[in-house]
């Protein structure tokens, strides 16, 4: 089985599934649904290297539920699953439960 390992300050995310109903109970077809802006971190790169050559590790970890900006990253399909790879700077926050 192949795995994806992000490079440098990139983060691999699996979007969480969005509710398929509106607040009033109307069921939305898949074409009308907006993609969520949050997901679970599956893997991270080693971190960002600054101009002096110092490594700054990624601050999120595997399993974190994160919120990220709307138009960011690269979406792709791997082994029939959809993923998103983005830079750590595009992550807005970690959801604490």
C-alpha atoms as a PDB file:
ATOM      1  CA  UNK A   1       0.000   0.000   0.000  1.00  0.00           C
ATOM      2  CA  UNK A   2       1.380   3.412  -0.988  1.00  0.00           C
ATOM      3  CA  UNK A   3       1.408   6.394   1.361  1.00  0.00           C
ATOM      4  CA  UNK A   4       1.618  10.130   0.763  1.00  0.00           C
ATOM      5  CA  UNK A   5       4.215  12.091   2.726  1.00  0.00           C
ATOM      6  CA  UNK A   6       3.987  15.885   2.347  1.00  0.00           C
ATOM      7  CA  UNK A   7       7.201  17.845   1.864  1.00  0.00           C
ATOM      8  CA  UNK A   8       8.468  20.779   3.955  1.00  0.00           C
ATOM      9  CA  UNK A   9       5.598  22.844   5.436  1.00  0.00           C
ATOM     10  CA  UNK A  10       2.797  21.076   3.612  1.00  0.00           C
ATOM     11  CA  UNK A  11      -0.043  19.188   5.310  1.00  0.00           C
ATOM     12  CA  UNK A  12      -2.171  16.316   3.982  1.00  0.00           C
ATOM     13  CA  UNK A  13      -5.845  16.690   4.916  1.00  0.00           C
ATOM     14  CA  UNK A  14      -8.959  14.561   4.538  1.00  0.00           C
ATOM     15  CA  UNK A  15     -12.008  16.830   4.453  1.00  0.00           C
ATOM     16  CA  UNK A  16     -14.747  15.974   6.908  1.00  0.00           C
ATOM     17  CA  UNK A  17     -18.125  15.082   5.466  1.00  0.00           C
ATOM     18  CA  UNK A  18     -20.650  17.887   5.456  1.00  0.00           C
ATOM     19  CA  UNK A  19     -24.253  17.525   6.535  1.00  0.00           C
ATOM     20  CA  UNK A  20     -26.483  16.926   3.519  1.00  0.00           C
ATOM     21  CA  UNK A  21     -29.490  18.747   4.986  1.00  0.00           C
ATOM     22  CA  UNK A  22     -30.202  22.397   5.578  1.00  0.00           C
ATOM     23  CA  UNK A  23     -31.234  23.651   9.018  1.00  0.00           C
ATOM     24  CA  UNK A  24     -34.876  23.456   7.933  1.00  0.00           C
ATOM     25  CA  UNK A  25     -34.495  19.798   6.896  1.00  0.00           C
ATOM     26  CA  UNK A  26     -34.181  20.158   3.114  1.00  0.00           C
ATOM     27  CA  UNK A  27     -31.901  17.495   1.630  1.00  0.00           C
ATOM     28  CA  UNK A  28     -29.281  18.966  -0.700  1.00  0.00           C
ATOM     29  CA  UNK A  29     -28.079  17.101  -3.793  1.00  0.00           C
ATOM     30  CA  UNK A  30     -24.319  16.551  -4.028  1.00  0.00           C
ATOM     31  CA  UNK A  31     -24.015  19.158  -6.790  1.00  0.00           C
ATOM     32  CA  UNK A  32     -25.482  21.891  -4.558  1.00  0.00           C
ATOM     33  CA  UNK A  33     -23.279  21.212  -1.560  1.00  0.00           C
ATOM     34  CA  UNK A  34     -20.309  23.387  -0.726  1.00  0.00           C
ATOM     35  CA  UNK A  35     -17.114  21.658   0.305  1.00  0.00           C
ATOM     36  CA  UNK A  36     -16.252  22.005   3.952  1.00  0.00           C
ATOM     37  CA  UNK A  37     -13.378  24.198   5.076  1.00  0.00           C
ATOM     38  CA  UNK A  38     -12.208  21.825   7.755  1.00  0.00           C
ATOM     39  CA  UNK A  39     -10.743  18.389   7.937  1.00  0.00           C
ATOM     40  CA  UNK A  40      -8.420  15.957   9.687  1.00  0.00           C
ATOM     41  CA  UNK A  41      -4.645  16.102   9.371  1.00  0.00           C
ATOM     42  CA  UNK A  42      -3.358  12.778   8.042  1.00  0.00           C
ATOM     43  CA  UNK A  43       0.324  13.626   7.575  1.00  0.00           C
ATOM     44  CA  UNK A  44       2.711  16.579   7.775  1.00  0.00           C
ATOM     45  CA  UNK A  45       6.038  17.514   6.285  1.00  0.00           C
ATOM     46  CA  UNK A  46       9.145  18.197   8.377  1.00  0.00           C
ATOM     47  CA  UNK A  47       8.618  21.959   8.444  1.00  0.00           C
ATOM     48  CA  UNK A  48       9.685  25.244   6.899  1.00  0.00           C
ATOM     49  CA  UNK A  49      13.331  26.149   6.414  1.00  0.00           C
ATOM     50  CA  UNK A  50      14.077  29.850   6.895  1.00  0.00           C
ATOM     51  CA  UNK A  51      16.746  31.947   5.132  1.00  0.00           C
ATOM     52  CA  UNK A  52      19.341  31.019   7.782  1.00  0.00           C
ATOM     53  CA  UNK A  53      18.748  27.307   7.227  1.00  0.00           C
ATOM     54  CA  UNK A  54      16.860  26.763  10.500  1.00  0.00           C
ATOM     55  CA  UNK A  55      14.032  24.220  10.470  1.00  0.00           C
ATOM     56  CA  UNK A  56      10.690  25.360  11.923  1.00  0.00           C
ATOM     57  CA  UNK A  57       8.561  22.225  12.522  1.00  0.00           C
ATOM     58  CA  UNK A  58       4.909  22.120  11.511  1.00  0.00           C
ATOM     59  CA  UNK A  59       2.703  23.043  14.479  1.00  0.00           C
ATOM     60  CA  UNK A  60      -0.209  20.701  13.675  1.00  0.00           C
ATOM     61  CA  UNK A  61      -0.046  16.937  14.140  1.00  0.00           C
ATOM     62  CA  UNK A  62      -1.705  13.853  12.734  1.00  0.00           C
ATOM     63  CA  UNK A  63      -5.307  13.554  13.903  1.00  0.00           C
ATOM     64  CA  UNK A  64      -5.843  17.297  14.491  1.00  0.00           C
ATOM     65  CA  UNK A  65      -9.148  18.692  13.249  1.00  0.00           C
ATOM     66  CA  UNK A  66      -8.290  21.954  11.466  1.00  0.00           C
ATOM     67  CA  UNK A  67     -10.047  24.854   9.774  1.00  0.00           C
ATOM     68  CA  UNK A  68      -8.452  26.225   6.605  1.00  0.00           C
ATOM     69  CA  UNK A  69      -9.045  28.980   4.069  1.00  0.00           C
ATOM     70  CA  UNK A  70     -11.648  28.459   1.356  1.00  0.00           C
ATOM     71  CA  UNK A  71      -9.592  28.632  -1.844  1.00  0.00           C
ATOM     72  CA  UNK A  72      -6.390  26.899  -0.887  1.00  0.00           C
ATOM     73  CA  UNK A  73      -4.309  23.859  -1.516  1.00  0.00           C
ATOM     74  CA  UNK A  74      -4.416  21.210  -4.187  1.00  0.00           C
ATOM     75  CA  UNK A  75      -7.213  18.662  -4.287  1.00  0.00           C
ATOM     76  CA  UNK A  76      -6.451  15.230  -5.689  1.00  0.00           C
ATOM     77  CA  UNK A  77      -7.696  11.670  -5.715  1.00  0.00           C
ATOM     78  CA  UNK A  78      -5.458   8.832  -4.505  1.00  0.00           C
ATOM     79  CA  UNK A  79      -6.585   5.203  -4.349  1.00  0.00           C
ATOM     80  CA  UNK A  80     -10.234   6.244  -4.769  1.00  0.00           C
ATOM     81  CA  UNK A  81     -10.136   8.741  -1.860  1.00  0.00           C
ATOM     82  CA  UNK A  82     -10.117  12.548  -2.143  1.00  0.00           C
ATOM     83  CA  UNK A  83      -7.450  14.535  -0.303  1.00  0.00           C
ATOM     84  CA  UNK A  84      -6.172  18.077   0.011  1.00  0.00           C
ATOM     85  CA  UNK A  85      -2.544  19.150   0.369  1.00  0.00           C
ATOM     86  CA  UNK A  86      -1.919  22.693   1.574  1.00  0.00           C
ATOM     87  CA  UNK A  87       0.716  24.815   3.250  1.00  0.00           C
ATOM     88  CA  UNK A  88       0.617  25.152   7.008  1.00  0.00           C
ATOM     89  CA  UNK A  89       0.133  28.921   6.679  1.00  0.00           C
ATOM     90  CA  UNK A  90      -3.285  28.258   5.067  1.00  0.00           C
ATOM     91  CA  UNK A  91      -4.530  26.563   8.247  1.00  0.00           C
ATOM     92  CA  UNK A  92      -6.514  29.049  10.334  1.00  0.00           C
ATOM     93  CA  UNK A  93      -6.838  27.038  13.514  1.00  0.00           C
ATOM     94  CA  UNK A  94      -7.131  23.720  15.314  1.00  0.00           C
ATOM     95  CA  UNK A  95     -10.542  22.643  16.649  1.00  0.00           C
ATOM     96  CA  UNK A  96     -10.251  21.489  20.260  1.00  0.00           C
ATOM     97  CA  UNK A  97     -12.861  19.009  21.410  1.00  0.00           C
END
